């Protein structure tokens, strides 16, 4: 019986799903005509919410994309590399944990420090971005009234991903701290 290789299945599946959502966004684009700036089509917002940091942070990865392909993908084709990389890392982590070769099992102290740093970075970025963008009632009103039409929905999805990753990295750091015998709240008097 063969095992599922998540590092292949997740990126391939999300590549196909993201490309289809980008094609759908291209079809939905004419409905934004004469609406002004700040509005997005539902397919692009769903793509952003599903792919989280892979969608948002992929703008920093220079990925060459032929113009004809990029225009058919609503000029988001360069984001596909970041999406595939993001889901590859998640799949790779799942594969390594399934075989008992997780980073924490081989090098618990450096992995615990790394997980704590990532938890802190994701938490600070998520909370800071949330306060900066959603500190006023206008952003919340836009998200509540037009949930799949505004850029604030995309930002809210990114913040949720960051906070979920913060919780995941905190959990992993605490598990490693207990594994190496670090005193936890139960053992401290």
C-alpha atoms as a PDB file:
ATOM      1  CA  UNK A   1       0.000   0.000   0.000  1.00  0.00           C
ATOM      2  CA  UNK A   2       1.485   3.347  -0.991  1.00  0.00           C
ATOM      3  CA  UNK A   3       1.370   6.393   1.221  1.00  0.00           C
ATOM      4  CA  UNK A   4       0.061   9.733   0.065  1.00  0.00           C
ATOM      5  CA  UNK A   5       2.911  12.127  -0.601  1.00  0.00           C
ATOM      6  CA  UNK A   6       1.443  15.352   0.694  1.00  0.00           C
ATOM      7  CA  UNK A   7       4.396  17.385  -0.589  1.00  0.00           C
ATOM      8  CA  UNK A   8       3.243  16.479  -4.117  1.00  0.00           C
ATOM      9  CA  UNK A   9      -0.538  16.230  -3.739  1.00  0.00           C
ATOM     10  CA  UNK A  10      -1.112  19.516  -1.883  1.00  0.00           C
ATOM     11  CA  UNK A  11       0.920  21.781  -4.218  1.00  0.00           C
ATOM     12  CA  UNK A  12      -0.444  20.112  -7.362  1.00  0.00           C
ATOM     13  CA  UNK A  13      -4.041  20.322  -6.173  1.00  0.00           C
ATOM     14  CA  UNK A  14      -3.724  23.930  -5.064  1.00  0.00           C
ATOM     15  CA  UNK A  15      -1.953  24.860  -8.295  1.00  0.00           C
ATOM     16  CA  UNK A  16      -4.908  23.568 -10.297  1.00  0.00           C
ATOM     17  CA  UNK A  17      -7.491  25.110  -7.948  1.00  0.00           C
ATOM     18  CA  UNK A  18      -5.699  28.468  -7.913  1.00  0.00           C
ATOM     19  CA  UNK A  19      -5.316  28.566 -11.687  1.00  0.00           C
ATOM     20  CA  UNK A  20      -9.022  27.802 -12.078  1.00  0.00           C
ATOM     21  CA  UNK A  21      -9.917  30.554  -9.608  1.00  0.00           C
ATOM     22  CA  UNK A  22      -7.668  32.962 -11.518  1.00  0.00           C
ATOM     23  CA  UNK A  23      -9.412  32.078 -14.769  1.00  0.00           C
ATOM     24  CA  UNK A  24     -12.772  32.598 -13.076  1.00  0.00           C
ATOM     25  CA  UNK A  25     -11.582  35.963 -11.731  1.00  0.00           C
ATOM     26  CA  UNK A  26     -10.731  37.003 -15.284  1.00  0.00           C
ATOM     27  CA  UNK A  27     -14.317  36.154 -16.310  1.00  0.00           C
ATOM     28  CA  UNK A  28     -15.735  38.072 -13.328  1.00  0.00           C
ATOM     29  CA  UNK A  29     -13.582  41.156 -13.909  1.00  0.00           C
ATOM     30  CA  UNK A  30     -16.079  43.009 -16.174  1.00  0.00           C
ATOM     31  CA  UNK A  31     -18.548  43.219 -13.273  1.00  0.00           C
ATOM     32  CA  UNK A  32     -16.163  45.688 -11.559  1.00  0.00           C
ATOM     33  CA  UNK A  33     -16.384  48.162 -14.420  1.00  0.00           C
ATOM     34  CA  UNK A  34     -17.013  51.729 -13.167  1.00  0.00           C
ATOM     35  CA  UNK A  35     -16.979  50.691  -9.476  1.00  0.00           C
ATOM     36  CA  UNK A  36     -13.744  52.509  -8.570  1.00  0.00           C
ATOM     37  CA  UNK A  37     -10.792  51.173  -6.618  1.00  0.00           C
ATOM     38  CA  UNK A  38     -10.728  48.887  -3.596  1.00  0.00           C
ATOM     39  CA  UNK A  39     -13.084  46.283  -5.015  1.00  0.00           C
ATOM     40  CA  UNK A  40     -12.182  42.708  -5.928  1.00  0.00           C
ATOM     41  CA  UNK A  41     -13.996  39.861  -7.610  1.00  0.00           C
ATOM     42  CA  UNK A  42     -15.139  36.924  -5.433  1.00  0.00           C
ATOM     43  CA  UNK A  43     -12.879  34.361  -7.151  1.00  0.00           C
ATOM     44  CA  UNK A  44      -9.746  36.389  -6.355  1.00  0.00           C
ATOM     45  CA  UNK A  45     -10.784  36.856  -2.736  1.00  0.00           C
ATOM     46  CA  UNK A  46     -11.471  33.121  -2.337  1.00  0.00           C
ATOM     47  CA  UNK A  47      -8.089  32.363  -3.893  1.00  0.00           C
ATOM     48  CA  UNK A  48      -6.437  34.706  -1.412  1.00  0.00           C
ATOM     49  CA  UNK A  49      -8.281  33.272   1.582  1.00  0.00           C
ATOM     50  CA  UNK A  50      -7.596  29.635   0.642  1.00  0.00           C
ATOM     51  CA  UNK A  51      -3.908  30.154  -0.088  1.00  0.00           C
ATOM     52  CA  UNK A  52      -3.211  32.694   2.652  1.00  0.00           C
ATOM     53  CA  UNK A  53       0.456  33.640   2.921  1.00  0.00           C
ATOM     54  CA  UNK A  54       1.277  31.843  -0.322  1.00  0.00           C
ATOM     55  CA  UNK A  55      -0.955  34.253  -2.211  1.00  0.00           C
ATOM     56  CA  UNK A  56      -0.064  37.434  -0.361  1.00  0.00           C
ATOM     57  CA  UNK A  57       3.684  36.984   0.108  1.00  0.00           C
ATOM     58  CA  UNK A  58       4.291  35.637  -3.392  1.00  0.00           C
ATOM     59  CA  UNK A  59       4.470  39.210  -4.670  1.00  0.00           C
ATOM     60  CA  UNK A  60       7.967  39.303  -3.154  1.00  0.00           C
ATOM     61  CA  UNK A  61       9.124  36.255  -5.164  1.00  0.00           C
ATOM     62  CA  UNK A  62      10.185  37.302  -8.660  1.00  0.00           C
ATOM     63  CA  UNK A  63       8.637  34.680 -10.924  1.00  0.00           C
ATOM     64  CA  UNK A  64       8.783  35.230 -14.672  1.00  0.00           C
ATOM     65  CA  UNK A  65       5.454  34.597 -16.352  1.00  0.00           C
ATOM     66  CA  UNK A  66       4.752  34.918 -20.068  1.00  0.00           C
ATOM     67  CA  UNK A  67       2.478  37.866 -20.748  1.00  0.00           C
ATOM     68  CA  UNK A  68      -0.237  35.879 -22.525  1.00  0.00           C
ATOM     69  CA  UNK A  69      -0.477  33.380 -19.654  1.00  0.00           C
ATOM     70  CA  UNK A  70      -0.410  36.106 -17.024  1.00  0.00           C
ATOM     71  CA  UNK A  71      -3.150  38.116 -18.716  1.00  0.00           C
ATOM     72  CA  UNK A  72      -5.377  35.021 -18.916  1.00  0.00           C
ATOM     73  CA  UNK A  73      -4.822  34.418 -15.190  1.00  0.00           C
ATOM     74  CA  UNK A  74      -6.005  37.948 -14.331  1.00  0.00           C
ATOM     75  CA  UNK A  75      -2.379  39.097 -13.870  1.00  0.00           C
ATOM     76  CA  UNK A  76      -1.935  36.845 -10.838  1.00  0.00           C
ATOM     77  CA  UNK A  77       0.058  34.140 -12.633  1.00  0.00           C
ATOM     78  CA  UNK A  78       3.281  35.066 -10.851  1.00  0.00           C
ATOM     79  CA  UNK A  79       1.586  34.202  -7.548  1.00  0.00           C
ATOM     80  CA  UNK A  80       1.408  30.531  -8.525  1.00  0.00           C
ATOM     81  CA  UNK A  81       5.038  29.953  -7.523  1.00  0.00           C
ATOM     82  CA  UNK A  82       4.403  31.271  -4.006  1.00  0.00           C
ATOM     83  CA  UNK A  83       1.226  29.219  -3.706  1.00  0.00           C
ATOM     84  CA  UNK A  84       3.001  26.027  -4.768  1.00  0.00           C
ATOM     85  CA  UNK A  85       5.919  26.753  -2.421  1.00  0.00           C
ATOM     86  CA  UNK A  86       3.580  27.425   0.526  1.00  0.00           C
ATOM     87  CA  UNK A  87       1.625  24.188   0.043  1.00  0.00           C
ATOM     88  CA  UNK A  88       4.835  22.235  -0.618  1.00  0.00           C
ATOM     89  CA  UNK A  89       6.172  23.303   2.783  1.00  0.00           C
ATOM     90  CA  UNK A  90       2.942  22.253   4.481  1.00  0.00           C
ATOM     91  CA  UNK A  91       2.955  18.909   2.639  1.00  0.00           C
ATOM     92  CA  UNK A  92       6.639  18.364   3.385  1.00  0.00           C
ATOM     93  CA  UNK A  93       5.989  18.989   7.076  1.00  0.00           C
ATOM     94  CA  UNK A  94       3.110  16.488   7.050  1.00  0.00           C
ATOM     95  CA  UNK A  95       5.246  13.862   5.279  1.00  0.00           C
ATOM     96  CA  UNK A  96       8.135  14.265   7.716  1.00  0.00           C
ATOM     97  CA  UNK A  97       5.859  14.058  10.751  1.00  0.00           C
ATOM     98  CA  UNK A  98       4.213  10.945   9.326  1.00  0.00           C
ATOM     99  CA  UNK A  99       7.564   9.162   9.050  1.00  0.00           C
ATOM    100  CA  UNK A 100       8.850  10.325  12.438  1.00  0.00           C
ATOM    101  CA  UNK A 101      11.502  12.578  10.905  1.00  0.00           C
ATOM    102  CA  UNK A 102      10.070  15.899  12.030  1.00  0.00           C
ATOM    103  CA  UNK A 103      12.476  18.692  12.800  1.00  0.00           C
ATOM    104  CA  UNK A 104      11.610  18.533  16.475  1.00  0.00           C
ATOM    105  CA  UNK A 105      12.473  14.849  16.821  1.00  0.00           C
ATOM    106  CA  UNK A 106      16.006  15.265  15.485  1.00  0.00           C
ATOM    107  CA  UNK A 107      17.023  18.663  16.888  1.00  0.00           C
ATOM    108  CA  UNK A 108      14.569  19.604  19.644  1.00  0.00           C
ATOM    109  CA  UNK A 109      16.294  22.673  21.099  1.00  0.00           C
ATOM    110  CA  UNK A 110      17.017  24.556  17.830  1.00  0.00           C
ATOM    111  CA  UNK A 111      13.593  23.531  16.498  1.00  0.00           C
ATOM    112  CA  UNK A 112      11.913  24.825  19.658  1.00  0.00           C
ATOM    113  CA  UNK A 113      13.714  28.150  19.315  1.00  0.00           C
ATOM    114  CA  UNK A 114      12.776  28.322  15.638  1.00  0.00           C
ATOM    115  CA  UNK A 115       9.124  27.497  16.368  1.00  0.00           C
ATOM    116  CA  UNK A 116       9.028  30.103  19.141  1.00  0.00           C
ATOM    117  CA  UNK A 117      10.489  32.719  16.780  1.00  0.00           C
ATOM    118  CA  UNK A 118       7.963  31.874  14.048  1.00  0.00           C
ATOM    119  CA  UNK A 119       5.126  31.989  16.584  1.00  0.00           C
ATOM    120  CA  UNK A 120       6.256  35.401  17.755  1.00  0.00           C
ATOM    121  CA  UNK A 121       6.692  36.713  14.202  1.00  0.00           C
ATOM    122  CA  UNK A 122       3.308  35.430  13.015  1.00  0.00           C
ATOM    123  CA  UNK A 123       1.579  36.698  16.145  1.00  0.00           C
ATOM    124  CA  UNK A 124       3.113  40.174  16.023  1.00  0.00           C
ATOM    125  CA  UNK A 125       2.448  40.530  12.277  1.00  0.00           C
ATOM    126  CA  UNK A 126      -1.105  39.211  12.567  1.00  0.00           C
ATOM    127  CA  UNK A 127      -2.075  41.338  15.541  1.00  0.00           C
ATOM    128  CA  UNK A 128      -0.247  44.415  14.230  1.00  0.00           C
ATOM    129  CA  UNK A 129      -1.827  44.150  10.805  1.00  0.00           C
ATOM    130  CA  UNK A 130      -5.216  43.543  12.388  1.00  0.00           C
ATOM    131  CA  UNK A 131      -4.923  46.666  14.533  1.00  0.00           C
ATOM    132  CA  UNK A 132      -3.616  48.761  11.651  1.00  0.00           C
ATOM    133  CA  UNK A 133      -6.267  47.710   9.131  1.00  0.00           C
ATOM    134  CA  UNK A 134      -9.262  46.890  11.308  1.00  0.00           C
ATOM    135  CA  UNK A 135      -8.792  49.518  14.007  1.00  0.00           C
ATOM    136  CA  UNK A 136     -11.735  51.497  12.713  1.00  0.00           C
ATOM    137  CA  UNK A 137     -15.335  50.559  12.058  1.00  0.00           C
ATOM    138  CA  UNK A 138     -15.161  51.326   8.332  1.00  0.00           C
ATOM    139  CA  UNK A 139     -13.120  48.216   7.481  1.00  0.00           C
ATOM    140  CA  UNK A 140     -15.388  45.971   9.555  1.00  0.00           C
ATOM    141  CA  UNK A 141     -18.446  47.493   7.899  1.00  0.00           C
ATOM    142  CA  UNK A 142     -17.037  46.803   4.432  1.00  0.00           C
ATOM    143  CA  UNK A 143     -16.188  43.185   5.295  1.00  0.00           C
ATOM    144  CA  UNK A 144     -19.595  42.606   6.885  1.00  0.00           C
ATOM    145  CA  UNK A 145     -21.545  44.269   4.094  1.00  0.00           C
ATOM    146  CA  UNK A 146     -19.469  43.077   1.093  1.00  0.00           C
ATOM    147  CA  UNK A 147     -17.639  39.938   2.296  1.00  0.00           C
ATOM    148  CA  UNK A 148     -16.425  38.746  -1.105  1.00  0.00           C
ATOM    149  CA  UNK A 149     -15.963  42.083  -2.799  1.00  0.00           C
ATOM    150  CA  UNK A 150     -13.389  44.117  -0.869  1.00  0.00           C
ATOM    151  CA  UNK A 151      -9.660  43.958  -0.331  1.00  0.00           C
ATOM    152  CA  UNK A 152     -10.297  44.078   3.403  1.00  0.00           C
ATOM    153  CA  UNK A 153     -11.665  40.528   3.115  1.00  0.00           C
ATOM    154  CA  UNK A 154      -8.361  39.451   1.595  1.00  0.00           C
ATOM    155  CA  UNK A 155      -6.475  41.134   4.436  1.00  0.00           C
ATOM    156  CA  UNK A 156      -8.730  39.541   7.040  1.00  0.00           C
ATOM    157  CA  UNK A 157      -8.058  36.112   5.503  1.00  0.00           C
ATOM    158  CA  UNK A 158      -4.303  36.756   5.676  1.00  0.00           C
ATOM    159  CA  UNK A 159      -4.581  37.825   9.329  1.00  0.00           C
ATOM    160  CA  UNK A 160      -6.525  34.658  10.177  1.00  0.00           C
ATOM    161  CA  UNK A 161      -3.822  32.554   8.485  1.00  0.00           C
ATOM    162  CA  UNK A 162      -1.089  34.376  10.440  1.00  0.00           C
ATOM    163  CA  UNK A 163      -2.868  33.841  13.747  1.00  0.00           C
ATOM    164  CA  UNK A 164      -3.521  30.166  12.937  1.00  0.00           C
ATOM    165  CA  UNK A 165       0.173  29.708  12.109  1.00  0.00           C
ATOM    166  CA  UNK A 166       1.046  31.493  15.364  1.00  0.00           C
ATOM    167  CA  UNK A 167      -1.104  29.021  17.301  1.00  0.00           C
ATOM    168  CA  UNK A 168       0.446  26.081  15.426  1.00  0.00           C
ATOM    169  CA  UNK A 169       4.024  27.231  16.099  1.00  0.00           C
ATOM    170  CA  UNK A 170       3.195  27.922  19.774  1.00  0.00           C
ATOM    171  CA  UNK A 171       1.817  24.421  20.126  1.00  0.00           C
ATOM    172  CA  UNK A 172       4.895  22.893  18.488  1.00  0.00           C
ATOM    173  CA  UNK A 173       7.233  24.983  20.674  1.00  0.00           C
ATOM    174  CA  UNK A 174       5.425  23.916  23.875  1.00  0.00           C
ATOM    175  CA  UNK A 175       5.465  20.253  22.815  1.00  0.00           C
ATOM    176  CA  UNK A 176       9.215  20.437  22.256  1.00  0.00           C
ATOM    177  CA  UNK A 177       9.718  22.293  25.544  1.00  0.00           C
ATOM    178  CA  UNK A 178       7.988  19.470  27.413  1.00  0.00           C
ATOM    179  CA  UNK A 179       9.950  16.849  25.451  1.00  0.00           C
ATOM    180  CA  UNK A 180      13.310  18.286  26.493  1.00  0.00           C
ATOM    181  CA  UNK A 181      12.212  18.674  30.125  1.00  0.00           C
ATOM    182  CA  UNK A 182      11.648  22.427  30.185  1.00  0.00           C
ATOM    183  CA  UNK A 183       9.530  23.339  33.215  1.00  0.00           C
ATOM    184  CA  UNK A 184       5.916  23.973  32.281  1.00  0.00           C
ATOM    185  CA  UNK A 185       3.168  25.604  34.297  1.00  0.00           C
ATOM    186  CA  UNK A 186       2.375  22.279  35.972  1.00  0.00           C
ATOM    187  CA  UNK A 187       5.918  21.795  37.222  1.00  0.00           C
ATOM    188  CA  UNK A 188       6.577  25.345  38.403  1.00  0.00           C
ATOM    189  CA  UNK A 189       5.668  26.247  41.989  1.00  0.00           C
END
